[in-house]
Amino acid sequence: MASVRRQLLRALCWSSASVCLAAAAAMLWQGYEVATAVLLGGIIVLAPNGWMALRVARLEGHRVASQLALAKFALCGLGFALLFALKPDISAPAALCGAGLALVALPAYMVLDQQKTQR
């Protein structure tokens, strides 16, 4: 189980780095507001994913994985609802772009890490 947890945490760190890199590129290209939106969108997706990864990687976590997945999606929805309610002037396409990057990067890094360890 420790190796699964380590793989999940490594993938989460690389995904976070990817979102930060995208936010830095957005800062240079579009400015501070767009970079903040990209970063917040990525955080809204990565925080519940990280929480779920740590919970599922426990000894009995596989038994409640489906409930944790539902909770993860509910937390993501709540996060976006709060983001758009508290900051109505935020760039929605940029926030969703950051979230999309986080959604794609996390499983992509997991697959790459598994392929690397199988060699």
PDB file of N, CA and C in Angstrom:
ATOM      1  N   MET A   1       0.812  -1.204   0.000  1.00  0.00           N
ATOM      2  CA  MET A   1       0.000   0.000   0.000  1.00  0.00           C
ATOM      3  C   MET A   1       0.853   1.265   0.000  1.00  0.00           C
ATOM      4  N   ALA A   2       2.024   1.169   0.623  1.00  0.00           N
ATOM      5  CA  ALA A   2       2.862   2.359   0.692  1.00  0.00           C
ATOM      6  C   ALA A   2       3.315   2.800  -0.693  1.00  0.00           C
ATOM      7  N   SER A   3       3.578   1.833  -1.567  1.00  0.00           N
ATOM      8  CA  SER A   3       4.026   2.217  -2.904  1.00  0.00           C
ATOM      9  C   SER A   3       2.889   2.864  -3.698  1.00  0.00           C
ATOM     10  N   VAL A   4       1.652   2.406  -3.477  1.00  0.00           N
ATOM     11  CA  VAL A   4       0.507   3.030  -4.150  1.00  0.00           C
ATOM     12  C   VAL A   4       0.337   4.454  -3.663  1.00  0.00           C
ATOM     13  N   ARG A   5       0.446   4.644  -2.363  1.00  0.00           N
ATOM     14  CA  ARG A   5       0.341   5.993  -1.804  1.00  0.00           C
ATOM     15  C   ARG A   5       1.443   6.885  -2.357  1.00  0.00           C
ATOM     16  N   ARG A   6       2.646   6.339  -2.438  1.00  0.00           N
ATOM     17  CA  ARG A   6       3.765   7.117  -2.964  1.00  0.00           C
ATOM     18  C   ARG A   6       3.534   7.493  -4.424  1.00  0.00           C
ATOM     19  N   GLN A   7       3.007   6.562  -5.227  1.00  0.00           N
ATOM     20  CA  GLN A   7       2.713   6.856  -6.630  1.00  0.00           C
ATOM     21  C   GLN A   7       1.632   7.926  -6.747  1.00  0.00           C
ATOM     22  N   LEU A   8       0.603   7.819  -5.919  1.00  0.00           N
ATOM     23  CA  LEU A   8      -0.474   8.812  -5.962  1.00  0.00           C
ATOM     24  C   LEU A   8       0.038  10.192  -5.561  1.00  0.00           C
ATOM     25  N   LEU A   9       0.851  10.249  -4.527  1.00  0.00           N
ATOM     26  CA  LEU A   9       1.387  11.540  -4.095  1.00  0.00           C
ATOM     27  C   LEU A   9       2.344  12.125  -5.128  1.00  0.00           C
ATOM     28  N   ARG A  10       3.136  11.267  -5.757  1.00  0.00           N
ATOM     29  CA  ARG A  10       4.048  11.749  -6.799  1.00  0.00           C
ATOM     30  C   ARG A  10       3.261  12.307  -7.981  1.00  0.00           C
ATOM     31  N   ALA A  11       2.204  11.611  -8.380  1.00  0.00           N
ATOM     32  CA  ALA A  11       1.363  12.094  -9.483  1.00  0.00           C
ATOM     33  C   ALA A  11       0.672  13.394  -9.101  1.00  0.00           C
ATOM     34  N   LEU A  12       0.245  13.506  -7.858  1.00  0.00           N
ATOM     35  CA  LEU A  12      -0.391  14.739  -7.392  1.00  0.00           C
ATOM     36  C   LEU A  12       0.592  15.911  -7.409  1.00  0.00           C
ATOM     37  N   CYS A  13       1.828  15.654  -7.008  1.00  0.00           N
ATOM     38  CA  CYS A  13       2.847  16.718  -7.030  1.00  0.00           C
ATOM     39  C   CYS A  13       3.167  17.157  -8.458  1.00  0.00           C
ATOM     40  N   TRP A  14       3.299  16.203  -9.372  1.00  0.00           N
ATOM     41  CA  TRP A  14       3.578  16.563 -10.767  1.00  0.00           C
ATOM     42  C   TRP A  14       2.399  17.292 -11.392  1.00  0.00           C
ATOM     43  N   SER A  15       1.194  16.898 -11.045  1.00  0.00           N
ATOM     44  CA  SER A  15       0.013  17.596 -11.562  1.00  0.00           C
ATOM     45  C   SER A  15      -0.052  19.012 -11.029  1.00  0.00           C
ATOM     46  N   SER A  16       0.267  19.174  -9.756  1.00  0.00           N
ATOM     47  CA  SER A  16       0.299  20.518  -9.163  1.00  0.00           C
ATOM     48  C   SER A  16       1.349  21.383  -9.836  1.00  0.00           C
ATOM     49  N   ALA A  17       2.495  20.787 -10.122  1.00  0.00           N
ATOM     50  CA  ALA A  17       3.543  21.531 -10.823  1.00  0.00           C
ATOM     51  C   ALA A  17       3.091  21.927 -12.227  1.00  0.00           C
ATOM     52  N   SER A  18       2.354  21.052 -12.896  1.00  0.00           N
ATOM     53  CA  SER A  18       1.844  21.372 -14.229  1.00  0.00           C
ATOM     54  C   SER A  18       0.865  22.537 -14.188  1.00  0.00           C
ATOM     55  N   VAL A  19      -0.006  22.539 -13.186  1.00  0.00           N
ATOM     56  CA  VAL A  19      -0.965  23.641 -13.043  1.00  0.00           C
ATOM     57  C   VAL A  19      -0.227  24.938 -12.736  1.00  0.00           C
ATOM     58  N   CYS A  20       0.785  24.874 -11.875  1.00  0.00           N
ATOM     59  CA  CYS A  20       1.569  26.078 -11.559  1.00  0.00           C
ATOM     60  C   CYS A  20       2.317  26.592 -12.786  1.00  0.00           C
ATOM     61  N   LEU A  21       2.836  25.683 -13.588  1.00  0.00           N
ATOM     62  CA  LEU A  21       3.523  26.084 -14.812  1.00  0.00           C
ATOM     63  C   LEU A  21       2.555  26.733 -15.794  1.00  0.00           C
ATOM     64  N   ALA A  22       1.354  26.170 -15.907  1.00  0.00           N
ATOM     65  CA  ALA A  22       0.333  26.765 -16.782  1.00  0.00           C
ATOM     66  C   ALA A  22      -0.083  28.139 -16.264  1.00  0.00           C
ATOM     67  N   ALA A  23      -0.173  28.280 -14.948  1.00  0.00           N
ATOM     68  CA  ALA A  23      -0.515  29.587 -14.373  1.00  0.00           C
ATOM     69  C   ALA A  23       0.596  30.601 -14.631  1.00  0.00           C
ATOM     70  N   ALA A  24       1.849  30.156 -14.560  1.00  0.00           N
ATOM     71  CA  ALA A  24       2.962  31.064 -14.853  1.00  0.00           C
ATOM     72  C   ALA A  24       2.952  31.486 -16.319  1.00  0.00           C
ATOM     73  N   ALA A  25       2.649  30.544 -17.213  1.00  0.00           N
ATOM     74  CA  ALA A  25       2.553  30.885 -18.640  1.00  0.00           C
ATOM     75  C   ALA A  25       1.388  31.840 -18.880  1.00  0.00           C
ATOM     76  N   ALA A  26       0.275  31.609 -18.188  1.00  0.00           N
ATOM     77  CA  ALA A  26      -0.868  32.514 -18.326  1.00  0.00           C
ATOM     78  C   ALA A  26      -0.537  33.898 -17.788  1.00  0.00           C
ATOM     79  N   MET A  27       0.286  33.956 -16.747  1.00  0.00           N
ATOM     80  CA  MET A  27       0.688  35.243 -16.176  1.00  0.00           C
ATOM     81  C   MET A  27       1.491  36.043 -17.202  1.00  0.00           C
ATOM     82  N   LEU A  28       2.389  35.366 -17.896  1.00  0.00           N
ATOM     83  CA  LEU A  28       3.195  36.053 -18.905  1.00  0.00           C
ATOM     84  C   LEU A  28       2.375  36.434 -20.130  1.00  0.00           C
ATOM     85  N   TRP A  29       1.411  35.596 -20.471  1.00  0.00           N
ATOM     86  CA  TRP A  29       0.661  35.780 -21.705  1.00  0.00           C
ATOM     87  C   TRP A  29      -0.552  36.683 -21.519  1.00  0.00           C
ATOM     88  N   GLN A  30      -1.324  36.479 -20.455  1.00  0.00           N
ATOM     89  CA  GLN A  30      -2.589  37.182 -20.275  1.00  0.00           C
ATOM     90  C   GLN A  30      -2.641  38.121 -19.076  1.00  0.00           C
ATOM     91  N   GLY A  31      -1.838  37.863 -18.067  1.00  0.00           N
ATOM     92  CA  GLY A  31      -1.847  38.736 -16.904  1.00  0.00           C
ATOM     93  C   GLY A  31      -2.246  38.014 -15.624  1.00  0.00           C
ATOM     94  N   TYR A  32      -2.268  38.791 -14.565  1.00  0.00           N
ATOM     95  CA  TYR A  32      -2.466  38.270 -13.215  1.00  0.00           C
ATOM     96  C   TYR A  32      -3.837  37.638 -13.016  1.00  0.00           C
ATOM     97  N   GLU A  33      -4.886  38.250 -13.522  1.00  0.00           N
ATOM     98  CA  GLU A  33      -6.246  37.748 -13.285  1.00  0.00           C
ATOM     99  C   GLU A  33      -6.457  36.378 -13.911  1.00  0.00           C
ATOM    100  N   VAL A  34      -5.970  36.187 -15.129  1.00  0.00           N
ATOM    101  CA  VAL A  34      -6.119  34.902 -15.810  1.00  0.00           C
ATOM    102  C   VAL A  34      -5.264  33.848 -15.119  1.00  0.00           C
ATOM    103  N   ALA A  35      -4.061  34.220 -14.705  1.00  0.00           N
ATOM    104  CA  ALA A  35      -3.190  33.272 -14.004  1.00  0.00           C
ATOM    105  C   ALA A  35      -3.816  32.836 -12.682  1.00  0.00           C
ATOM    106  N   THR A  36      -4.438  33.756 -11.986  1.00  0.00           N
ATOM    107  CA  THR A  36      -5.110  33.419 -10.729  1.00  0.00           C
ATOM    108  C   THR A  36      -6.270  32.464 -10.985  1.00  0.00           C
ATOM    109  N   ALA A  37      -7.010  32.695 -12.053  1.00  0.00           N
ATOM    110  CA  ALA A  37      -8.136  31.822 -12.383  1.00  0.00           C
ATOM    111  C   ALA A  37      -7.655  30.415 -12.727  1.00  0.00           C
ATOM    112  N   VAL A  38      -6.579  30.309 -13.496  1.00  0.00           N
ATOM    113  CA  VAL A  38      -6.023  28.997 -13.851  1.00  0.00           C
ATOM    114  C   VAL A  38      -5.575  28.263 -12.582  1.00  0.00           C
ATOM    115  N   LEU A  39      -4.894  28.970 -11.715  1.00  0.00           N
ATOM    116  CA  LEU A  39      -4.399  28.367 -10.484  1.00  0.00           C
ATOM    117  C   LEU A  39      -5.541  27.937  -9.567  1.00  0.00           C
ATOM    118  N   LEU A  40      -6.543  28.779  -9.412  1.00  0.00           N
ATOM    119  CA  LEU A  40      -7.676  28.425  -8.555  1.00  0.00           C
ATOM    120  C   LEU A  40      -8.474  27.254  -9.127  1.00  0.00           C
ATOM    121  N   GLY A  41      -8.655  27.217 -10.433  1.00  0.00           N
ATOM    122  CA  GLY A  41      -9.344  26.089 -11.056  1.00  0.00           C
ATOM    123  C   GLY A  41      -8.603  24.782 -10.837  1.00  0.00           C
ATOM    124  N   GLY A  42      -7.287  24.833 -10.944  1.00  0.00           N
ATOM    125  CA  GLY A  42      -6.491  23.633 -10.695  1.00  0.00           C
ATOM    126  C   GLY A  42      -6.540  23.196  -9.242  1.00  0.00           C
ATOM    127  N   ILE A  43      -6.504  24.152  -8.338  1.00  0.00           N
ATOM    128  CA  ILE A  43      -6.557  23.830  -6.909  1.00  0.00           C
ATOM    129  C   ILE A  43      -7.902  23.216  -6.543  1.00  0.00           C
ATOM    130  N   ILE A  44      -8.965  23.740  -7.126  1.00  0.00           N
ATOM    131  CA  ILE A  44     -10.299  23.223  -6.822  1.00  0.00           C
ATOM    132  C   ILE A  44     -10.418  21.755  -7.220  1.00  0.00           C
ATOM    133  N   VAL A  45      -9.743  21.346  -8.274  1.00  0.00           N
ATOM    134  CA  VAL A  45      -9.793  19.946  -8.695  1.00  0.00           C
ATOM    135  C   VAL A  45      -8.758  19.105  -7.952  1.00  0.00           C
ATOM    136  N   LEU A  46      -7.564  19.631  -7.745  1.00  0.00           N
ATOM    137  CA  LEU A  46      -6.499  18.827  -7.146  1.00  0.00           C
ATOM    138  C   LEU A  46      -6.693  18.595  -5.650  1.00  0.00           C
ATOM    139  N   ALA A  47      -7.275  19.520  -4.941  1.00  0.00           N
ATOM    140  CA  ALA A  47      -7.455  19.334  -3.494  1.00  0.00           C
ATOM    141  C   ALA A  47      -8.354  18.143  -3.177  1.00  0.00           C
ATOM    142  N   PRO A  48      -9.551  18.032  -3.754  1.00  0.00           N
ATOM    143  CA  PRO A  48     -10.352  16.826  -3.479  1.00  0.00           C
ATOM    144  C   PRO A  48      -9.732  15.542  -4.032  1.00  0.00           C
ATOM    145  N   ASN A  49      -9.027  15.646  -5.158  1.00  0.00           N
ATOM    146  CA  ASN A  49      -8.357  14.462  -5.695  1.00  0.00           C
ATOM    147  C   ASN A  49      -7.245  13.987  -4.764  1.00  0.00           C
ATOM    148  N   GLY A  50      -6.510  14.920  -4.194  1.00  0.00           N
ATOM    149  CA  GLY A  50      -5.470  14.561  -3.230  1.00  0.00           C
ATOM    150  C   GLY A  50      -6.056  13.949  -1.975  1.00  0.00           C
ATOM    151  N   TRP A  51      -7.148  14.529  -1.506  1.00  0.00           N
ATOM    152  CA  TRP A  51      -7.818  13.980  -0.330  1.00  0.00           C
ATOM    153  C   TRP A  51      -8.282  12.553  -0.604  1.00  0.00           C
ATOM    154  N   MET A  52      -8.883  12.339  -1.761  1.00  0.00           N
ATOM    155  CA  MET A  52      -9.362  10.999  -2.098  1.00  0.00           C
ATOM    156  C   MET A  52      -8.200  10.024  -2.262  1.00  0.00           C
ATOM    157  N   ALA A  53      -7.123  10.464  -2.868  1.00  0.00           N
ATOM    158  CA  ALA A  53      -5.965   9.588  -3.052  1.00  0.00           C
ATOM    159  C   ALA A  53      -5.403   9.132  -1.715  1.00  0.00           C
ATOM    160  N   LEU A  54      -5.323  10.023  -0.764  1.00  0.00           N
ATOM    161  CA  LEU A  54      -4.809   9.647   0.548  1.00  0.00           C
ATOM    162  C   LEU A  54      -5.770   8.722   1.286  1.00  0.00           C
ATOM    163  N   ARG A  55      -7.053   8.936   1.130  1.00  0.00           N
ATOM    164  CA  ARG A  55      -8.032   8.090   1.813  1.00  0.00           C
ATOM    165  C   ARG A  55      -8.112   6.698   1.191  1.00  0.00           C
ATOM    166  N   VAL A  56      -8.075   6.605  -0.118  1.00  0.00           N
ATOM    167  CA  VAL A  56      -8.189   5.312  -0.780  1.00  0.00           C
ATOM    168  C   VAL A  56      -6.926   4.486  -0.573  1.00  0.00           C
ATOM    169  N   ALA A  57      -5.775   5.127  -0.447  1.00  0.00           N
ATOM    170  CA  ALA A  57      -4.514   4.405  -0.295  1.00  0.00           C
ATOM    171  C   ALA A  57      -4.350   3.808   1.104  1.00  0.00           C
ATOM    172  N   ARG A  58      -5.292   4.042   1.987  1.00  0.00           N
ATOM    173  CA  ARG A  58      -5.224   3.411   3.302  1.00  0.00           C
ATOM    174  C   ARG A  58      -5.574   1.941   3.178  1.00  0.00           C
ATOM    175  N   LEU A  59      -5.416   1.208   4.251  1.00  0.00           N
ATOM    176  CA  LEU A  59      -5.613  -0.238   4.216  1.00  0.00           C
ATOM    177  C   LEU A  59      -7.033  -0.640   3.826  1.00  0.00           C
ATOM    178  N   GLU A  60      -8.029   0.041   4.329  1.00  0.00           N
ATOM    179  CA  GLU A  60      -9.418  -0.307   4.036  1.00  0.00           C
ATOM    180  C   GLU A  60     -10.075   0.696   3.091  1.00  0.00           C
ATOM    181  N   GLY A  61      -9.300   1.523   2.440  1.00  0.00           N
ATOM    182  CA  GLY A  61      -9.852   2.559   1.580  1.00  0.00           C
ATOM    183  C   GLY A  61     -10.561   2.044   0.346  1.00  0.00           C
ATOM    184  N   HIS A  62     -10.175   0.875  -0.126  1.00  0.00           N
ATOM    185  CA  HIS A  62     -10.803   0.343  -1.333  1.00  0.00           C
ATOM    186  C   HIS A  62     -12.277   0.013  -1.107  1.00  0.00           C
ATOM    187  N   ARG A  63     -12.673  -0.182   0.127  1.00  0.00           N
ATOM    188  CA  ARG A  63     -14.071  -0.520   0.412  1.00  0.00           C
ATOM    189  C   ARG A  63     -15.003   0.672   0.263  1.00  0.00           C
ATOM    190  N   VAL A  64     -14.478   1.874   0.439  1.00  0.00           N
ATOM    191  CA  VAL A  64     -15.312   3.076   0.369  1.00  0.00           C
ATOM    192  C   VAL A  64     -14.923   3.961  -0.810  1.00  0.00           C
ATOM    193  N   ALA A  65     -14.250   3.390  -1.807  1.00  0.00           N
ATOM    194  CA  ALA A  65     -13.754   4.185  -2.932  1.00  0.00           C
ATOM    195  C   ALA A  65     -14.884   4.848  -3.708  1.00  0.00           C
ATOM    196  N   SER A  66     -15.988   4.153  -3.906  1.00  0.00           N
ATOM    197  CA  SER A  66     -17.079   4.754  -4.683  1.00  0.00           C
ATOM    198  C   SER A  66     -17.715   5.921  -3.922  1.00  0.00           C
ATOM    199  N   GLN A  67     -17.859   5.794  -2.609  1.00  0.00           N
ATOM    200  CA  GLN A  67     -18.407   6.906  -1.831  1.00  0.00           C
ATOM    201  C   GLN A  67     -17.446   8.090  -1.821  1.00  0.00           C
ATOM    202  N   LEU A  68     -16.149   7.803  -1.742  1.00  0.00           N
ATOM    203  CA  LEU A  68     -15.166   8.881  -1.781  1.00  0.00           C
ATOM    204  C   LEU A  68     -15.148   9.572  -3.137  1.00  0.00           C
ATOM    205  N   ALA A  69     -15.350   8.819  -4.204  1.00  0.00           N
ATOM    206  CA  ALA A  69     -15.396   9.424  -5.542  1.00  0.00           C
ATOM    207  C   ALA A  69     -16.589  10.363  -5.663  1.00  0.00           C
ATOM    208  N   LEU A  70     -17.727   9.958  -5.129  1.00  0.00           N
ATOM    209  CA  LEU A  70     -18.900  10.845  -5.150  1.00  0.00           C
ATOM    210  C   LEU A  70     -18.645  12.097  -4.315  1.00  0.00           C
ATOM    211  N   ALA A  71     -18.003  11.921  -3.168  1.00  0.00           N
ATOM    212  CA  ALA A  71     -17.679  13.071  -2.326  1.00  0.00           C
ATOM    213  C   ALA A  71     -16.691  13.995  -3.025  1.00  0.00           C
ATOM    214  N   LYS A  72     -15.747  13.397  -3.777  1.00  0.00           N
ATOM    215  CA  LYS A  72     -14.770  14.199  -4.518  1.00  0.00           C
ATOM    216  C   LYS A  72     -15.457  15.087  -5.544  1.00  0.00           C
ATOM    217  N   PHE A  73     -16.396  14.519  -6.291  1.00  0.00           N
ATOM    218  CA  PHE A  73     -17.104  15.309  -7.294  1.00  0.00           C
ATOM    219  C   PHE A  73     -17.984  16.378  -6.639  1.00  0.00           C
ATOM    220  N   ALA A  74     -18.580  16.054  -5.517  1.00  0.00           N
ATOM    221  CA  ALA A  74     -19.384  17.044  -4.800  1.00  0.00           C
ATOM    222  C   ALA A  74     -18.506  18.188  -4.290  1.00  0.00           C
ATOM    223  N   LEU A  75     -17.311  17.863  -3.795  1.00  0.00           N
ATOM    224  CA  LEU A  75     -16.396  18.907  -3.322  1.00  0.00           C
ATOM    225  C   LEU A  75     -15.913  19.786  -4.473  1.00  0.00           C
ATOM    226  N   CYS A  76     -15.657  19.185  -5.626  1.00  0.00           N
ATOM    227  CA  CYS A  76     -15.266  19.983  -6.799  1.00  0.00           C
ATOM    228  C   CYS A  76     -16.393  20.925  -7.209  1.00  0.00           C
ATOM    229  N   GLY A  77     -17.606  20.415  -7.239  1.00  0.00           N
ATOM    230  CA  GLY A  77     -18.753  21.259  -7.577  1.00  0.00           C
ATOM    231  C   GLY A  77     -18.950  22.381  -6.574  1.00  0.00           C
ATOM    232  N   LEU A  78     -18.804  22.053  -5.301  1.00  0.00           N
ATOM    233  CA  LEU A  78     -18.918  23.070  -4.257  1.00  0.00           C
ATOM    234  C   LEU A  78     -17.816  24.111  -4.382  1.00  0.00           C
ATOM    235  N   GLY A  79     -16.627  23.652  -4.710  1.00  0.00           N
ATOM    236  CA  GLY A  79     -15.511  24.581  -4.886  1.00  0.00           C
ATOM    237  C   GLY A  79     -15.747  25.564  -6.016  1.00  0.00           C
ATOM    238  N   PHE A  80     -16.253  25.068  -7.149  1.00  0.00           N
ATOM    239  CA  PHE A  80     -16.539  25.975  -8.263  1.00  0.00           C
ATOM    240  C   PHE A  80     -17.721  26.888  -7.949  1.00  0.00           C
ATOM    241  N   ALA A  81     -18.709  26.374  -7.237  1.00  0.00           N
ATOM    242  CA  ALA A  81     -19.838  27.227  -6.845  1.00  0.00           C
ATOM    243  C   ALA A  81     -19.361  28.363  -5.947  1.00  0.00           C
ATOM    244  N   LEU A  82     -18.502  28.040  -4.988  1.00  0.00           N
ATOM    245  CA  LEU A  82     -17.967  29.085  -4.108  1.00  0.00           C
ATOM    246  C   LEU A  82     -17.077  30.058  -4.870  1.00  0.00           C
ATOM    247  N   LEU A  83     -16.257  29.534  -5.783  1.00  0.00           N
ATOM    248  CA  LEU A  83     -15.378  30.406  -6.559  1.00  0.00           C
ATOM    249  C   LEU A  83     -16.180  31.420  -7.364  1.00  0.00           C
ATOM    250  N   PHE A  84     -17.197  30.958  -8.074  1.00  0.00           N
ATOM    251  CA  PHE A  84     -17.969  31.865  -8.917  1.00  0.00           C
ATOM    252  C   PHE A  84     -18.908  32.744  -8.108  1.00  0.00           C
ATOM    253  N   ALA A  85     -19.269  32.324  -6.900  1.00  0.00           N
ATOM    254  CA  ALA A  85     -20.107  33.171  -6.049  1.00  0.00           C
ATOM    255  C   ALA A  85     -19.280  34.257  -5.365  1.00  0.00           C
ATOM    256  N   LEU A  86     -18.072  33.892  -4.920  1.00  0.00           N
ATOM    257  CA  LEU A  86     -17.240  34.857  -4.207  1.00  0.00           C
ATOM    258  C   LEU A  86     -16.458  35.773  -5.139  1.00  0.00           C
ATOM    259  N   LYS A  87     -16.140  35.298  -6.333  1.00  0.00           N
ATOM    260  CA  LYS A  87     -15.402  36.104  -7.313  1.00  0.00           C
ATOM    261  C   LYS A  87     -16.147  36.063  -8.641  1.00  0.00           C
ATOM    262  N   PRO A  88     -17.259  36.797  -8.761  1.00  0.00           N
ATOM    263  CA  PRO A  88     -18.049  36.719  -9.998  1.00  0.00           C
ATOM    264  C   PRO A  88     -17.326  37.281 -11.215  1.00  0.00           C
ATOM    265  N   ASP A  89     -16.299  38.079 -11.012  1.00  0.00           N
ATOM    266  CA  ASP A  89     -15.588  38.668 -12.143  1.00  0.00           C
ATOM    267  C   ASP A  89     -14.409  37.816 -12.623  1.00  0.00           C
ATOM    268  N   ILE A  90     -14.248  36.616 -12.069  1.00  0.00           N
ATOM    269  CA  ILE A  90     -13.123  35.757 -12.453  1.00  0.00           C
ATOM    270  C   ILE A  90     -13.345  35.217 -13.871  1.00  0.00           C
ATOM    271  N   SER A  91     -12.271  34.949 -14.559  1.00  0.00           N
ATOM    272  CA  SER A  91     -12.349  34.410 -15.918  1.00  0.00           C
ATOM    273  C   SER A  91     -12.735  32.931 -15.841  1.00  0.00           C
ATOM    274  N   ALA A  92     -13.980  32.648 -16.178  1.00  0.00           N
ATOM    275  CA  ALA A  92     -14.477  31.272 -16.112  1.00  0.00           C
ATOM    276  C   ALA A  92     -13.738  30.342 -17.079  1.00  0.00           C
ATOM    277  N   PRO A  93     -13.464  30.752 -18.329  1.00  0.00           N
ATOM    278  CA  PRO A  93     -12.718  29.844 -19.215  1.00  0.00           C
ATOM    279  C   PRO A  93     -11.325  29.506 -18.683  1.00  0.00           C
ATOM    280  N   ALA A  94     -10.667  30.472 -18.062  1.00  0.00           N
ATOM    281  CA  ALA A  94      -9.337  30.204 -17.511  1.00  0.00           C
ATOM    282  C   ALA A  94      -9.414  29.262 -16.316  1.00  0.00           C
ATOM    283  N   ALA A  95     -10.415  29.446 -15.457  1.00  0.00           N
ATOM    284  CA  ALA A  95     -10.581  28.548 -14.308  1.00  0.00           C
ATOM    285  C   ALA A  95     -10.891  27.134 -14.771  1.00  0.00           C
ATOM    286  N   LEU A  96     -11.737  27.011 -15.766  1.00  0.00           N
ATOM    287  CA  LEU A  96     -12.064  25.685 -16.287  1.00  0.00           C
ATOM    288  C   LEU A  96     -10.888  25.072 -17.041  1.00  0.00           C
ATOM    289  N   CYS A  97     -10.059  25.896 -17.633  1.00  0.00           N
ATOM    290  CA  CYS A  97      -8.848  25.404 -18.293  1.00  0.00           C
ATOM    291  C   CYS A  97      -7.881  24.826 -17.257  1.00  0.00           C
ATOM    292  N   GLY A  98      -7.707  25.515 -16.146  1.00  0.00           N
ATOM    293  CA  GLY A  98      -6.871  24.993 -15.063  1.00  0.00           C
ATOM    294  C   GLY A  98      -7.425  23.702 -14.494  1.00  0.00           C
ATOM    295  N   ALA A  99      -8.745  23.637 -14.348  1.00  0.00           N
ATOM    296  CA  ALA A  99      -9.373  22.419 -13.850  1.00  0.00           C
ATOM    297  C   ALA A  99      -9.212  21.280 -14.845  1.00  0.00           C
ATOM    298  N   GLY A 100      -9.375  21.571 -16.123  1.00  0.00           N
ATOM    299  CA  GLY A 100      -9.202  20.544 -17.146  1.00  0.00           C
ATOM    300  C   GLY A 100      -7.783  20.015 -17.188  1.00  0.00           C
ATOM    301  N   LEU A 101      -6.821  20.912 -17.040  1.00  0.00           N
ATOM    302  CA  LEU A 101      -5.426  20.484 -17.006  1.00  0.00           C
ATOM    303  C   LEU A 101      -5.183  19.561 -15.823  1.00  0.00           C
ATOM    304  N   ALA A 102      -5.726  19.914 -14.675  1.00  0.00           N
ATOM    305  CA  ALA A 102      -5.556  19.069 -13.486  1.00  0.00           C
ATOM    306  C   ALA A 102      -6.240  17.717 -13.671  1.00  0.00           C
ATOM    307  N   LEU A 103      -7.412  17.725 -14.297  1.00  0.00           N
ATOM    308  CA  LEU A 103      -8.130  16.465 -14.527  1.00  0.00           C
ATOM    309  C   LEU A 103      -7.396  15.543 -15.483  1.00  0.00           C
ATOM    310  N   VAL A 104      -6.694  16.104 -16.449  1.00  0.00           N
ATOM    311  CA  VAL A 104      -5.964  15.297 -17.423  1.00  0.00           C
ATOM    312  C   VAL A 104      -4.580  14.917 -16.897  1.00  0.00           C
ATOM    313  N   ALA A 105      -3.933  15.827 -16.198  1.00  0.00           N
ATOM    314  CA  ALA A 105      -2.556  15.595 -15.761  1.00  0.00           C
ATOM    315  C   ALA A 105      -2.456  14.503 -14.700  1.00  0.00           C
ATOM    316  N   LEU A 106      -3.394  14.443 -13.787  1.00  0.00           N
ATOM    317  CA  LEU A 106      -3.294  13.478 -12.694  1.00  0.00           C
ATOM    318  C   LEU A 106      -3.299  12.029 -13.194  1.00  0.00           C
ATOM    319  N   PRO A 107      -4.269  11.608 -13.993  1.00  0.00           N
ATOM    320  CA  PRO A 107      -4.191  10.220 -14.480  1.00  0.00           C
ATOM    321  C   PRO A 107      -3.056   9.993 -15.473  1.00  0.00           C
ATOM    322  N   ALA A 108      -2.693  11.017 -16.222  1.00  0.00           N
ATOM    323  CA  ALA A 108      -1.584  10.859 -17.167  1.00  0.00           C
ATOM    324  C   ALA A 108      -0.284  10.587 -16.427  1.00  0.00           C
ATOM    325  N   TYR A 109      -0.038  11.311 -15.346  1.00  0.00           N
ATOM    326  CA  TYR A 109       1.177  11.073 -14.569  1.00  0.00           C
ATOM    327  C   TYR A 109       1.116   9.728 -13.850  1.00  0.00           C
ATOM    328  N   MET A 110      -0.074   9.293 -13.450  1.00  0.00           N
ATOM    329  CA  MET A 110      -0.198   7.970 -12.830  1.00  0.00           C
ATOM    330  C   MET A 110       0.183   6.878 -13.828  1.00  0.00           C
ATOM    331  N   VAL A 111      -0.301   7.001 -15.058  1.00  0.00           N
ATOM    332  CA  VAL A 111       0.016   6.002 -16.087  1.00  0.00           C
ATOM    333  C   VAL A 111       1.506   6.016 -16.391  1.00  0.00           C
ATOM    334  N   LEU A 112       2.093   7.195 -16.530  1.00  0.00           N
ATOM    335  CA  LEU A 112       3.526   7.291 -16.806  1.00  0.00           C
ATOM    336  C   LEU A 112       4.345   6.696 -15.672  1.00  0.00           C
ATOM    337  N   ASP A 113       3.939   6.948 -14.433  1.00  0.00           N
ATOM    338  CA  ASP A 113       4.674   6.424 -13.285  1.00  0.00           C
ATOM    339  C   ASP A 113       4.552   4.900 -13.219  1.00  0.00           C
ATOM    340  N   GLN A 114       3.386   4.363 -13.511  1.00  0.00           N
ATOM    341  CA  GLN A 114       3.218   2.908 -13.501  1.00  0.00           C
ATOM    342  C   GLN A 114       4.024   2.238 -14.598  1.00  0.00           C
ATOM    343  N   GLN A 115       4.066   2.870 -15.764  1.00  0.00           N
ATOM    344  CA  GLN A 115       4.863   2.312 -16.853  1.00  0.00           C
ATOM    345  C   GLN A 115       6.348   2.341 -16.502  1.00  0.00           C
ATOM    346  N   LYS A 116       6.765   3.404 -15.834  1.00  0.00           N
ATOM    347  CA  LYS A 116       8.176   3.521 -15.450  1.00  0.00           C
ATOM    348  C   LYS A 116       8.556   2.457 -14.429  1.00  0.00           C
ATOM    349  N   THR A 117       7.669   2.174 -13.482  1.00  0.00           N
ATOM    350  CA  THR A 117       7.991   1.182 -12.453  1.00  0.00           C
ATOM    351  C   THR A 117       7.900  -0.249 -12.982  1.00  0.00           C
ATOM    352  N   GLN A 118       7.143  -0.470 -14.056  1.00  0.00           N
ATOM    353  CA  GLN A 118       7.028  -1.819 -14.616  1.00  0.00           C
ATOM    354  C   GLN A 118       8.230  -2.202 -15.479  1.00  0.00           C
ATOM    355  N   ARG A 119       9.006  -1.235 -15.889  1.00  0.00           N
ATOM    356  CA  ARG A 119      10.177  -1.525 -16.730  1.00  0.00           C
ATOM    357  C   ARG A 119      11.306  -2.097 -15.942  1.00  0.00           C
TER     358      ARG A 119
END
